[in-house]
Amino acid sequence: MTAKKIFILYGHPDSVGLCHDIADAYEVSARAAGHSVSRLNIGEMRFDPVLHHGYRSRQELEPDLVRFQQLVKECDHFVIVHPVWWVGMPALLKGLFDRAWLPGSAFRYIRTKTGQNTIFWHRLFRGKSARIVITSGTAPWLVRALPGNVNAQLKWGILWYSGFSVRSTWIGPAEHIPERTKARWIEKVRKLGTKGK
């Protein structure tokens, strides 16, 4: 097995609970397997998640967002752990991507000879892989049956768009779970961490 540079983004604002235990399990097992691991916890990051003027003007990036961009750029494998809230990711996590996933840092539009953007783009993270680990209070099969796709925005609109090869792991229903069920899920995540997948 080839050791990888792994970046874990813990995307739950709180520092306790199942998502936190999952991120910890992945991190510990990946380190034990010899992978190089970096981690950011979104609840500890300091940045304005609101893109106040859209993309009409540049909004200066806070140091934590610059660090986030650098860790994504340096990693081989990007792991994001987050809960599903109201059929999507937490607002703070969405705000992180709104602010930091910018043209020139994650993708670059192909321009015409006159300098206008075309509908085509360069995916700047081609060759990298990503794993999204999602927890939900509802059973994953039921979440998948809801209108739309809970995971589409992050998987396709953000990660794939910039070149990542993406896989997802869905865990749930995650409320009031027996310890044996939680232990089974944690072990599944440990195996992913060991393999760097």
N, C-alpha and C. Protein backbone atom coordinates (compact mmCIF):
# COMPACT_ATOMS: atom_id res chain seq x y z
N MET A 1 0.84 -1.20 0.00
CA MET A 1 0.00 0.00 0.00
C MET A 1 0.88 1.25 0.00
N THR A 2 0.56 2.18 -0.86
CA THR A 2 1.29 3.44 -0.94
C THR A 2 0.72 4.43 0.07
N ALA A 3 1.61 5.04 0.85
CA ALA A 3 1.17 6.04 1.81
C ALA A 3 0.67 7.28 1.07
N LYS A 4 -0.39 7.88 1.58
CA LYS A 4 -1.00 9.04 0.95
C LYS A 4 -0.95 10.25 1.88
N LYS A 5 -1.05 11.42 1.26
CA LYS A 5 -1.29 12.65 2.02
C LYS A 5 -2.79 12.83 2.09
N ILE A 6 -3.33 12.71 3.28
CA ILE A 6 -4.78 12.76 3.48
C ILE A 6 -5.15 14.03 4.24
N PHE A 7 -6.15 14.71 3.75
CA PHE A 7 -6.69 15.88 4.43
C PHE A 7 -8.12 15.58 4.85
N ILE A 8 -8.39 15.67 6.15
CA ILE A 8 -9.73 15.43 6.69
C ILE A 8 -10.36 16.77 7.05
N LEU A 9 -11.54 17.03 6.53
CA LEU A 9 -12.33 18.19 6.92
C LEU A 9 -13.52 17.69 7.72
N TYR A 10 -13.51 17.99 9.00
CA TYR A 10 -14.63 17.63 9.86
C TYR A 10 -15.66 18.73 9.74
N GLY A 11 -16.79 18.44 9.07
CA GLY A 11 -17.73 19.46 8.65
C GLY A 11 -18.93 19.68 9.56
N HIS A 12 -18.86 19.22 10.79
CA HIS A 12 -19.92 19.47 11.78
C HIS A 12 -19.44 20.58 12.71
N PRO A 13 -20.24 21.61 12.96
CA PRO A 13 -19.79 22.70 13.82
C PRO A 13 -19.52 22.29 15.27
N ASP A 14 -20.12 21.20 15.74
CA ASP A 14 -19.96 20.76 17.13
C ASP A 14 -18.79 19.78 17.24
N SER A 15 -18.21 19.70 18.42
CA SER A 15 -17.03 18.85 18.61
C SER A 15 -17.35 17.54 19.31
N VAL A 16 -18.60 17.18 19.41
CA VAL A 16 -18.99 15.90 20.00
C VAL A 16 -20.03 15.24 19.10
N GLY A 17 -20.17 13.91 19.25
CA GLY A 17 -21.21 13.20 18.51
C GLY A 17 -20.64 12.21 17.52
N LEU A 18 -21.54 11.58 16.79
CA LEU A 18 -21.17 10.51 15.87
C LEU A 18 -20.22 10.99 14.77
N CYS A 19 -20.50 12.15 14.17
CA CYS A 19 -19.61 12.66 13.12
C CYS A 19 -18.19 12.83 13.64
N HIS A 20 -18.07 13.36 14.84
CA HIS A 20 -16.75 13.58 15.44
C HIS A 20 -16.05 12.24 15.67
N ASP A 21 -16.78 11.26 16.17
CA ASP A 21 -16.21 9.92 16.40
C ASP A 21 -15.75 9.29 15.09
N ILE A 22 -16.52 9.52 14.02
CA ILE A 22 -16.15 8.98 12.71
C ILE A 22 -14.88 9.63 12.20
N ALA A 23 -14.80 10.96 12.30
CA ALA A 23 -13.59 11.66 11.85
C ALA A 23 -12.37 11.21 12.65
N ASP A 24 -12.54 11.06 13.95
CA ASP A 24 -11.43 10.59 14.80
C ASP A 24 -10.99 9.19 14.40
N ALA A 25 -11.95 8.30 14.17
CA ALA A 25 -11.62 6.91 13.81
C ALA A 25 -10.86 6.87 12.49
N TYR A 26 -11.31 7.65 11.52
CA TYR A 26 -10.61 7.68 10.23
C TYR A 26 -9.19 8.20 10.43
N GLU A 27 -9.06 9.29 11.16
CA GLU A 27 -7.74 9.90 11.36
C GLU A 27 -6.77 8.96 12.07
N VAL A 28 -7.20 8.36 13.16
CA VAL A 28 -6.33 7.47 13.95
C VAL A 28 -5.88 6.27 13.12
N SER A 29 -6.81 5.66 12.40
CA SER A 29 -6.45 4.48 11.62
C SER A 29 -5.55 4.84 10.43
N ALA A 30 -5.80 5.99 9.81
CA ALA A 30 -4.96 6.42 8.69
C ALA A 30 -3.53 6.69 9.16
N ARG A 31 -3.39 7.36 10.28
CA ARG A 31 -2.04 7.62 10.83
C ARG A 31 -1.34 6.31 11.18
N ALA A 32 -2.07 5.40 11.81
CA ALA A 32 -1.48 4.11 12.21
C ALA A 32 -1.02 3.31 11.00
N ALA A 33 -1.67 3.52 9.86
CA ALA A 33 -1.30 2.80 8.63
C ALA A 33 -0.15 3.47 7.89
N GLY A 34 0.33 4.60 8.39
CA GLY A 34 1.48 5.27 7.78
C GLY A 34 1.16 6.40 6.84
N HIS A 35 -0.12 6.77 6.74
CA HIS A 35 -0.48 7.90 5.90
C HIS A 35 -0.13 9.21 6.62
N SER A 36 0.14 10.25 5.85
CA SER A 36 0.34 11.59 6.39
C SER A 36 -1.02 12.27 6.45
N VAL A 37 -1.44 12.70 7.64
CA VAL A 37 -2.80 13.20 7.82
C VAL A 37 -2.80 14.63 8.36
N SER A 38 -3.58 15.49 7.71
CA SER A 38 -3.89 16.83 8.20
C SER A 38 -5.39 16.90 8.43
N ARG A 39 -5.78 17.77 9.36
CA ARG A 39 -7.22 17.86 9.67
C ARG A 39 -7.59 19.28 10.07
N LEU A 40 -8.75 19.71 9.60
CA LEU A 40 -9.37 20.94 10.06
C LEU A 40 -10.77 20.62 10.56
N ASN A 41 -11.13 21.22 11.68
CA ASN A 41 -12.48 21.10 12.24
C ASN A 41 -13.20 22.41 11.96
N ILE A 42 -14.28 22.34 11.22
CA ILE A 42 -14.91 23.57 10.76
C ILE A 42 -15.39 24.45 11.91
N GLY A 43 -15.77 23.85 13.03
CA GLY A 43 -16.23 24.63 14.17
C GLY A 43 -15.12 25.44 14.83
N GLU A 44 -13.87 25.10 14.55
CA GLU A 44 -12.74 25.83 15.12
C GLU A 44 -12.17 26.85 14.14
N MET A 45 -12.62 26.82 12.91
CA MET A 45 -12.12 27.76 11.90
C MET A 45 -12.80 29.11 12.06
N ARG A 46 -12.08 30.16 11.75
CA ARG A 46 -12.61 31.52 11.88
C ARG A 46 -12.67 32.16 10.50
N PHE A 47 -13.88 32.32 9.97
CA PHE A 47 -14.07 32.95 8.68
C PHE A 47 -15.53 33.37 8.54
N ASP A 48 -15.77 34.34 7.71
CA ASP A 48 -17.13 34.77 7.38
C ASP A 48 -17.65 33.84 6.29
N PRO A 49 -18.70 33.06 6.58
CA PRO A 49 -19.19 32.11 5.57
C PRO A 49 -20.05 32.74 4.48
N VAL A 50 -20.30 34.03 4.58
CA VAL A 50 -21.19 34.70 3.62
C VAL A 50 -20.38 35.34 2.50
N LEU A 51 -20.73 34.99 1.29
CA LEU A 51 -20.12 35.61 0.11
C LEU A 51 -20.96 36.85 -0.21
N HIS A 52 -20.58 37.97 0.39
CA HIS A 52 -21.44 39.16 0.44
C HIS A 52 -21.80 39.75 -0.93
N HIS A 53 -20.89 39.69 -1.88
CA HIS A 53 -21.15 40.30 -3.18
C HIS A 53 -21.12 39.28 -4.31
N GLY A 54 -21.36 38.02 -3.97
CA GLY A 54 -21.24 36.99 -4.98
C GLY A 54 -19.81 36.97 -5.50
N TYR A 55 -19.65 36.80 -6.79
CA TYR A 55 -18.31 36.79 -7.37
C TYR A 55 -18.01 38.07 -8.15
N ARG A 56 -18.79 39.13 -7.87
CA ARG A 56 -18.58 40.40 -8.57
C ARG A 56 -17.31 41.11 -8.11
N SER A 57 -16.95 40.91 -6.84
CA SER A 57 -15.73 41.53 -6.33
C SER A 57 -15.02 40.54 -5.41
N ARG A 58 -13.73 40.72 -5.26
CA ARG A 58 -12.93 39.80 -4.45
C ARG A 58 -13.12 40.09 -2.97
N GLN A 59 -13.41 39.05 -2.22
CA GLN A 59 -13.53 39.15 -0.77
C GLN A 59 -12.28 38.52 -0.17
N GLU A 60 -11.53 39.30 0.57
CA GLU A 60 -10.24 38.83 1.10
C GLU A 60 -10.43 37.57 1.93
N LEU A 61 -9.57 36.57 1.69
CA LEU A 61 -9.67 35.31 2.42
C LEU A 61 -9.01 35.41 3.79
N GLU A 62 -9.70 34.90 4.80
CA GLU A 62 -9.12 34.81 6.13
C GLU A 62 -8.04 33.74 6.15
N PRO A 63 -7.09 33.80 7.11
CA PRO A 63 -6.01 32.81 7.17
C PRO A 63 -6.49 31.36 7.18
N ASP A 64 -7.61 31.08 7.86
CA ASP A 64 -8.10 29.69 7.91
C ASP A 64 -8.56 29.22 6.52
N LEU A 65 -9.08 30.11 5.70
CA LEU A 65 -9.49 29.73 4.35
C LEU A 65 -8.27 29.51 3.45
N VAL A 66 -7.25 30.31 3.64
CA VAL A 66 -6.00 30.12 2.89
C VAL A 66 -5.38 28.78 3.27
N ARG A 67 -5.40 28.45 4.56
CA ARG A 67 -4.88 27.16 5.03
C ARG A 67 -5.69 26.01 4.43
N PHE A 68 -7.00 26.15 4.40
CA PHE A 68 -7.87 25.14 3.80
C PHE A 68 -7.49 24.91 2.34
N GLN A 69 -7.37 25.99 1.58
CA GLN A 69 -6.99 25.87 0.17
C GLN A 69 -5.66 25.14 0.00
N GLN A 70 -4.70 25.46 0.86
CA GLN A 70 -3.38 24.84 0.77
C GLN A 70 -3.43 23.35 1.06
N LEU A 71 -4.20 22.97 2.08
CA LEU A 71 -4.31 21.55 2.44
C LEU A 71 -4.98 20.75 1.33
N VAL A 72 -6.00 21.32 0.70
CA VAL A 72 -6.65 20.65 -0.44
C VAL A 72 -5.66 20.48 -1.58
N LYS A 73 -4.90 21.53 -1.86
CA LYS A 73 -3.93 21.49 -2.95
C LYS A 73 -2.85 20.44 -2.71
N GLU A 74 -2.42 20.28 -1.46
CA GLU A 74 -1.31 19.38 -1.14
C GLU A 74 -1.72 17.92 -1.00
N CYS A 75 -2.99 17.66 -0.73
CA CYS A 75 -3.39 16.28 -0.40
C CYS A 75 -3.54 15.41 -1.66
N ASP A 76 -3.44 14.10 -1.43
CA ASP A 76 -3.78 13.11 -2.45
C ASP A 76 -5.24 12.70 -2.33
N HIS A 77 -5.72 12.69 -1.07
CA HIS A 77 -7.05 12.18 -0.76
C HIS A 77 -7.71 13.14 0.23
N PHE A 78 -8.92 13.56 -0.09
CA PHE A 78 -9.66 14.55 0.69
C PHE A 78 -10.88 13.87 1.30
N VAL A 79 -10.99 13.90 2.63
CA VAL A 79 -12.09 13.26 3.33
C VAL A 79 -12.94 14.33 4.01
N ILE A 80 -14.24 14.31 3.75
CA ILE A 80 -15.17 15.26 4.36
C ILE A 80 -16.22 14.47 5.13
N VAL A 81 -16.35 14.78 6.42
CA VAL A 81 -17.34 14.12 7.27
C VAL A 81 -18.36 15.19 7.68
N HIS A 82 -19.64 14.95 7.38
CA HIS A 82 -20.66 15.94 7.76
C HIS A 82 -22.02 15.29 7.94
N PRO A 83 -22.89 15.95 8.72
CA PRO A 83 -24.27 15.47 8.85
C PRO A 83 -25.14 16.02 7.73
N VAL A 84 -26.27 15.38 7.52
CA VAL A 84 -27.30 15.92 6.63
C VAL A 84 -28.29 16.70 7.49
N TRP A 85 -28.42 17.98 7.18
CA TRP A 85 -29.40 18.82 7.87
C TRP A 85 -30.33 19.42 6.81
N TRP A 86 -31.61 19.18 6.92
CA TRP A 86 -32.59 19.71 5.98
C TRP A 86 -32.19 19.41 4.54
N VAL A 87 -31.86 18.15 4.32
CA VAL A 87 -31.56 17.62 2.99
C VAL A 87 -30.34 18.30 2.37
N GLY A 88 -29.36 18.63 3.18
CA GLY A 88 -28.14 19.23 2.66
C GLY A 88 -27.05 19.27 3.72
N MET A 89 -25.95 19.89 3.36
CA MET A 89 -24.84 20.03 4.31
C MET A 89 -25.10 21.22 5.23
N PRO A 90 -24.43 21.26 6.39
CA PRO A 90 -24.58 22.41 7.28
C PRO A 90 -24.20 23.72 6.57
N ALA A 91 -24.85 24.81 6.94
CA ALA A 91 -24.63 26.10 6.29
C ALA A 91 -23.17 26.54 6.38
N LEU A 92 -22.53 26.28 7.51
CA LEU A 92 -21.13 26.69 7.68
C LEU A 92 -20.23 25.97 6.68
N LEU A 93 -20.51 24.69 6.44
CA LEU A 93 -19.72 23.92 5.47
C LEU A 93 -19.96 24.45 4.05
N LYS A 94 -21.20 24.74 3.72
CA LYS A 94 -21.49 25.33 2.41
C LYS A 94 -20.80 26.68 2.27
N GLY A 95 -20.81 27.47 3.35
CA GLY A 95 -20.16 28.77 3.33
C GLY A 95 -18.66 28.67 3.11
N LEU A 96 -18.05 27.62 3.65
CA LEU A 96 -16.62 27.39 3.43
C LEU A 96 -16.33 27.23 1.95
N PHE A 97 -17.12 26.41 1.27
CA PHE A 97 -16.91 26.21 -0.16
C PHE A 97 -17.28 27.45 -0.96
N ASP A 98 -18.33 28.16 -0.55
CA ASP A 98 -18.67 29.42 -1.23
C ASP A 98 -17.48 30.38 -1.22
N ARG A 99 -16.80 30.46 -0.10
CA ARG A 99 -15.72 31.43 0.05
C ARG A 99 -14.40 30.96 -0.55
N ALA A 100 -14.08 29.66 -0.40
CA ALA A 100 -12.73 29.21 -0.73
C ALA A 100 -12.60 28.44 -2.04
N TRP A 101 -13.70 27.96 -2.59
CA TRP A 101 -13.65 27.15 -3.83
C TRP A 101 -13.78 28.09 -5.01
N LEU A 102 -12.69 28.71 -5.39
CA LEU A 102 -12.73 29.83 -6.31
C LEU A 102 -12.07 29.52 -7.65
N PRO A 103 -12.48 30.24 -8.70
CA PRO A 103 -11.75 30.13 -9.97
C PRO A 103 -10.28 30.45 -9.74
N GLY A 104 -9.43 29.58 -10.24
CA GLY A 104 -7.99 29.76 -10.05
C GLY A 104 -7.44 28.95 -8.90
N SER A 105 -8.29 28.57 -7.94
CA SER A 105 -7.81 27.74 -6.83
C SER A 105 -8.30 26.30 -6.97
N ALA A 106 -9.51 26.08 -7.46
CA ALA A 106 -10.06 24.73 -7.61
C ALA A 106 -10.37 24.39 -9.08
N PHE A 107 -10.62 25.40 -9.86
CA PHE A 107 -10.92 25.22 -11.29
C PHE A 107 -10.54 26.52 -11.99
N ARG A 108 -10.47 26.45 -13.30
CA ARG A 108 -10.15 27.65 -14.07
C ARG A 108 -10.92 27.60 -15.38
N TYR A 109 -11.67 28.64 -15.64
CA TYR A 109 -12.41 28.70 -16.89
C TYR A 109 -11.47 28.89 -18.07
N ILE A 110 -11.81 28.27 -19.19
CA ILE A 110 -11.06 28.46 -20.43
C ILE A 110 -11.60 29.72 -21.09
N ARG A 111 -10.70 30.62 -21.42
CA ARG A 111 -11.11 31.92 -21.97
C ARG A 111 -10.96 31.96 -23.50
N THR A 112 -11.75 32.81 -24.08
CA THR A 112 -11.62 33.06 -25.52
C THR A 112 -10.44 33.99 -25.75
N LYS A 113 -10.10 34.21 -27.01
CA LYS A 113 -9.00 35.12 -27.35
C LYS A 113 -9.27 36.55 -26.89
N THR A 114 -10.54 36.88 -26.71
CA THR A 114 -10.89 38.23 -26.25
C THR A 114 -10.96 38.33 -24.72
N GLY A 115 -10.67 37.21 -24.04
CA GLY A 115 -10.64 37.23 -22.58
C GLY A 115 -11.95 36.89 -21.91
N GLN A 116 -12.96 36.46 -22.66
CA GLN A 116 -14.24 36.08 -22.08
C GLN A 116 -14.21 34.62 -21.64
N ASN A 117 -14.89 34.33 -20.52
CA ASN A 117 -15.00 32.94 -20.08
C ASN A 117 -15.88 32.15 -21.03
N THR A 118 -15.48 30.90 -21.28
CA THR A 118 -16.33 29.99 -22.06
C THR A 118 -17.08 29.09 -21.09
N ILE A 119 -17.86 28.16 -21.61
CA ILE A 119 -18.56 27.20 -20.75
C ILE A 119 -17.64 26.06 -20.35
N PHE A 120 -16.41 26.04 -20.82
CA PHE A 120 -15.46 24.97 -20.53
C PHE A 120 -14.50 25.39 -19.43
N TRP A 121 -13.95 24.41 -18.75
CA TRP A 121 -13.09 24.73 -17.62
C TRP A 121 -12.01 23.66 -17.43
N HIS A 122 -10.93 24.06 -16.75
CA HIS A 122 -9.89 23.13 -16.33
C HIS A 122 -10.21 22.68 -14.91
N ARG A 123 -10.16 21.36 -14.67
CA ARG A 123 -10.40 20.81 -13.34
C ARG A 123 -9.03 20.67 -12.67
N LEU A 124 -8.72 21.58 -11.76
CA LEU A 124 -7.36 21.71 -11.24
C LEU A 124 -6.96 20.61 -10.28
N PHE A 125 -7.90 19.81 -9.80
CA PHE A 125 -7.57 18.72 -8.86
C PHE A 125 -7.70 17.33 -9.49
N ARG A 126 -7.54 17.27 -10.79
CA ARG A 126 -7.58 15.96 -11.46
C ARG A 126 -6.49 15.06 -10.89
N GLY A 127 -6.83 13.78 -10.72
CA GLY A 127 -5.87 12.83 -10.17
C GLY A 127 -6.00 12.65 -8.67
N LYS A 128 -6.76 13.50 -8.01
CA LYS A 128 -6.99 13.37 -6.58
C LYS A 128 -8.29 12.61 -6.32
N SER A 129 -8.36 11.99 -5.16
CA SER A 129 -9.59 11.28 -4.77
C SER A 129 -10.20 11.94 -3.55
N ALA A 130 -11.49 11.66 -3.34
CA ALA A 130 -12.20 12.21 -2.18
C ALA A 130 -13.19 11.17 -1.66
N ARG A 131 -13.44 11.25 -0.37
CA ARG A 131 -14.45 10.42 0.29
C ARG A 131 -15.34 11.34 1.10
N ILE A 132 -16.64 11.28 0.86
CA ILE A 132 -17.61 12.00 1.67
C ILE A 132 -18.26 10.99 2.61
N VAL A 133 -18.21 11.25 3.91
CA VAL A 133 -18.89 10.40 4.89
C VAL A 133 -20.03 11.23 5.48
N ILE A 134 -21.24 10.77 5.25
CA ILE A 134 -22.44 11.51 5.62
C ILE A 134 -23.20 10.73 6.69
N THR A 135 -23.67 11.44 7.72
CA THR A 135 -24.59 10.84 8.68
C THR A 135 -25.94 11.53 8.55
N SER A 136 -26.99 10.76 8.78
CA SER A 136 -28.33 11.35 8.72
C SER A 136 -29.22 10.68 9.75
N GLY A 137 -30.18 11.45 10.27
CA GLY A 137 -31.14 10.90 11.22
C GLY A 137 -32.12 9.96 10.54
N THR A 138 -32.23 10.09 9.24
CA THR A 138 -33.11 9.24 8.44
C THR A 138 -32.28 8.15 7.77
N ALA A 139 -32.87 7.00 7.54
CA ALA A 139 -32.17 5.91 6.87
C ALA A 139 -31.67 6.36 5.50
N PRO A 140 -30.44 6.01 5.14
CA PRO A 140 -29.90 6.44 3.84
C PRO A 140 -30.77 6.09 2.65
N TRP A 141 -31.41 4.92 2.64
CA TRP A 141 -32.24 4.54 1.50
C TRP A 141 -33.42 5.50 1.33
N LEU A 142 -33.94 6.01 2.48
CA LEU A 142 -35.05 6.94 2.41
C LEU A 142 -34.58 8.32 1.96
N VAL A 143 -33.40 8.73 2.44
CA VAL A 143 -32.84 10.02 2.02
C VAL A 143 -32.62 10.02 0.51
N ARG A 144 -32.12 8.89 -0.01
CA ARG A 144 -31.88 8.80 -1.46
C ARG A 144 -33.18 8.87 -2.25
N ALA A 145 -34.30 8.47 -1.62
CA ALA A 145 -35.59 8.47 -2.31
C ALA A 145 -36.24 9.85 -2.33
N LEU A 146 -35.70 10.79 -1.54
CA LEU A 146 -36.27 12.13 -1.51
C LEU A 146 -36.03 12.83 -2.86
N PRO A 147 -36.86 13.80 -3.19
CA PRO A 147 -36.64 14.55 -4.44
C PRO A 147 -35.25 15.20 -4.45
N GLY A 148 -34.62 15.18 -5.58
CA GLY A 148 -33.28 15.72 -5.68
C GLY A 148 -32.26 14.72 -5.16
N ASN A 149 -31.06 15.19 -4.95
CA ASN A 149 -29.98 14.32 -4.48
C ASN A 149 -29.24 15.06 -3.38
N VAL A 150 -29.36 14.57 -2.15
CA VAL A 150 -28.77 15.21 -0.99
C VAL A 150 -27.27 15.45 -1.18
N ASN A 151 -26.61 14.52 -1.84
CA ASN A 151 -25.16 14.56 -1.96
C ASN A 151 -24.67 15.21 -3.25
N ALA A 152 -25.58 15.60 -4.14
CA ALA A 152 -25.18 16.07 -5.47
C ALA A 152 -24.34 17.34 -5.41
N GLN A 153 -24.71 18.27 -4.56
CA GLN A 153 -24.01 19.55 -4.52
C GLN A 153 -22.54 19.37 -4.19
N LEU A 154 -22.25 18.63 -3.13
CA LEU A 154 -20.85 18.43 -2.73
C LEU A 154 -20.13 17.46 -3.66
N LYS A 155 -20.77 16.35 -3.99
CA LYS A 155 -20.11 15.33 -4.79
C LYS A 155 -19.84 15.79 -6.22
N TRP A 156 -20.88 16.28 -6.88
CA TRP A 156 -20.75 16.63 -8.29
C TRP A 156 -20.46 18.11 -8.53
N GLY A 157 -21.22 18.97 -7.86
CA GLY A 157 -21.10 20.39 -8.11
C GLY A 157 -19.85 21.04 -7.56
N ILE A 158 -19.23 20.41 -6.56
CA ILE A 158 -18.04 20.99 -5.94
C ILE A 158 -16.80 20.13 -6.21
N LEU A 159 -16.83 18.88 -5.74
CA LEU A 159 -15.62 18.04 -5.83
C LEU A 159 -15.35 17.54 -7.24
N TRP A 160 -16.34 16.89 -7.86
CA TRP A 160 -16.12 16.39 -9.23
C TRP A 160 -15.80 17.53 -10.18
N TYR A 161 -16.49 18.65 -10.02
CA TYR A 161 -16.31 19.81 -10.90
C TYR A 161 -14.85 20.25 -10.95
N SER A 162 -14.15 20.07 -9.82
CA SER A 162 -12.76 20.51 -9.76
C SER A 162 -11.77 19.37 -9.99
N GLY A 163 -12.27 18.16 -10.31
CA GLY A 163 -11.38 17.10 -10.73
C GLY A 163 -11.29 15.89 -9.83
N PHE A 164 -11.88 15.94 -8.64
CA PHE A 164 -11.78 14.81 -7.72
C PHE A 164 -12.59 13.61 -8.23
N SER A 165 -12.04 12.42 -7.99
CA SER A 165 -12.79 11.19 -8.13
C SER A 165 -13.42 10.93 -6.76
N VAL A 166 -14.75 10.86 -6.69
CA VAL A 166 -15.45 10.92 -5.39
C VAL A 166 -16.23 9.65 -5.09
N ARG A 167 -16.09 9.20 -3.85
CA ARG A 167 -16.92 8.12 -3.33
C ARG A 167 -17.61 8.60 -2.06
N SER A 168 -18.76 8.02 -1.78
CA SER A 168 -19.53 8.43 -0.61
C SER A 168 -19.84 7.23 0.28
N THR A 169 -19.88 7.50 1.58
CA THR A 169 -20.31 6.52 2.57
C THR A 169 -21.45 7.15 3.36
N TRP A 170 -22.60 6.51 3.35
CA TRP A 170 -23.79 7.02 4.06
C TRP A 170 -24.00 6.21 5.32
N ILE A 171 -24.20 6.89 6.44
CA ILE A 171 -24.41 6.22 7.72
C ILE A 171 -25.70 6.73 8.35
N GLY A 172 -26.56 5.81 8.76
CA GLY A 172 -27.80 6.21 9.41
C GLY A 172 -28.79 5.06 9.43
N PRO A 173 -29.92 5.23 10.09
CA PRO A 173 -30.29 6.41 10.87
C PRO A 173 -29.40 6.55 12.11
N ALA A 174 -28.91 7.76 12.34
CA ALA A 174 -27.83 7.98 13.30
C ALA A 174 -28.29 8.47 14.67
N GLU A 175 -29.58 8.49 14.93
CA GLU A 175 -30.07 8.93 16.23
C GLU A 175 -30.52 7.73 17.05
N HIS A 176 -30.16 7.74 18.34
CA HIS A 176 -30.56 6.69 19.28
C HIS A 176 -30.13 5.31 18.78
N ILE A 177 -28.87 5.20 18.41
CA ILE A 177 -28.38 3.94 17.85
C ILE A 177 -27.79 3.06 18.95
N PRO A 178 -27.95 1.74 18.83
CA PRO A 178 -27.30 0.83 19.78
C PRO A 178 -25.77 0.91 19.63
N GLU A 179 -25.07 0.66 20.71
CA GLU A 179 -23.61 0.73 20.68
C GLU A 179 -23.01 -0.24 19.67
N ARG A 180 -23.62 -1.41 19.52
CA ARG A 180 -23.07 -2.40 18.57
C ARG A 180 -23.17 -1.89 17.13
N THR A 181 -24.24 -1.16 16.84
CA THR A 181 -24.39 -0.58 15.49
C THR A 181 -23.34 0.50 15.28
N LYS A 182 -23.17 1.37 16.27
CA LYS A 182 -22.17 2.42 16.16
C LYS A 182 -20.79 1.81 15.99
N ALA A 183 -20.49 0.76 16.75
CA ALA A 183 -19.17 0.10 16.66
C ALA A 183 -18.95 -0.46 15.26
N ARG A 184 -20.00 -0.99 14.64
CA ARG A 184 -19.88 -1.54 13.28
C ARG A 184 -19.57 -0.43 12.29
N TRP A 185 -20.24 0.71 12.43
CA TRP A 185 -19.99 1.84 11.53
C TRP A 185 -18.57 2.38 11.72
N ILE A 186 -18.15 2.49 12.97
CA ILE A 186 -16.80 3.00 13.26
C ILE A 186 -15.76 2.08 12.66
N GLU A 187 -15.97 0.79 12.76
CA GLU A 187 -15.02 -0.18 12.20
C GLU A 187 -14.95 -0.05 10.68
N LYS A 188 -16.07 0.18 10.06
CA LYS A 188 -16.10 0.38 8.60
C LYS A 188 -15.25 1.59 8.22
N VAL A 189 -15.37 2.66 9.00
CA VAL A 189 -14.61 3.88 8.73
C VAL A 189 -13.12 3.65 9.00
N ARG A 190 -12.81 2.91 10.04
CA ARG A 190 -11.41 2.58 10.34
C ARG A 190 -10.75 1.87 9.17
N LYS A 191 -11.47 0.96 8.56
CA LYS A 191 -10.93 0.23 7.41
C LYS A 191 -10.65 1.17 6.24
N LEU A 192 -11.54 2.13 6.04
CA LEU A 192 -11.32 3.12 4.98
C LEU A 192 -10.08 3.95 5.28
N GLY A 193 -9.91 4.34 6.55
CA GLY A 193 -8.75 5.12 6.95
C GLY A 193 -7.45 4.35 6.74
N THR A 194 -7.46 3.09 7.11
CA THR A 194 -6.27 2.25 6.95
C THR A 194 -5.86 2.18 5.49
N LYS A 195 -6.84 2.02 4.61
CA LYS A 195 -6.55 1.92 3.18
C LYS A 195 -6.33 3.27 2.50
N GLY A 196 -6.65 4.35 3.22
CA GLY A 196 -6.55 5.68 2.62
C GLY A 196 -7.56 5.87 1.52
N LYS A 197 -8.78 5.37 1.75
CA LYS A 197 -9.84 5.45 0.75
C LYS A 197 -11.03 6.25 1.28
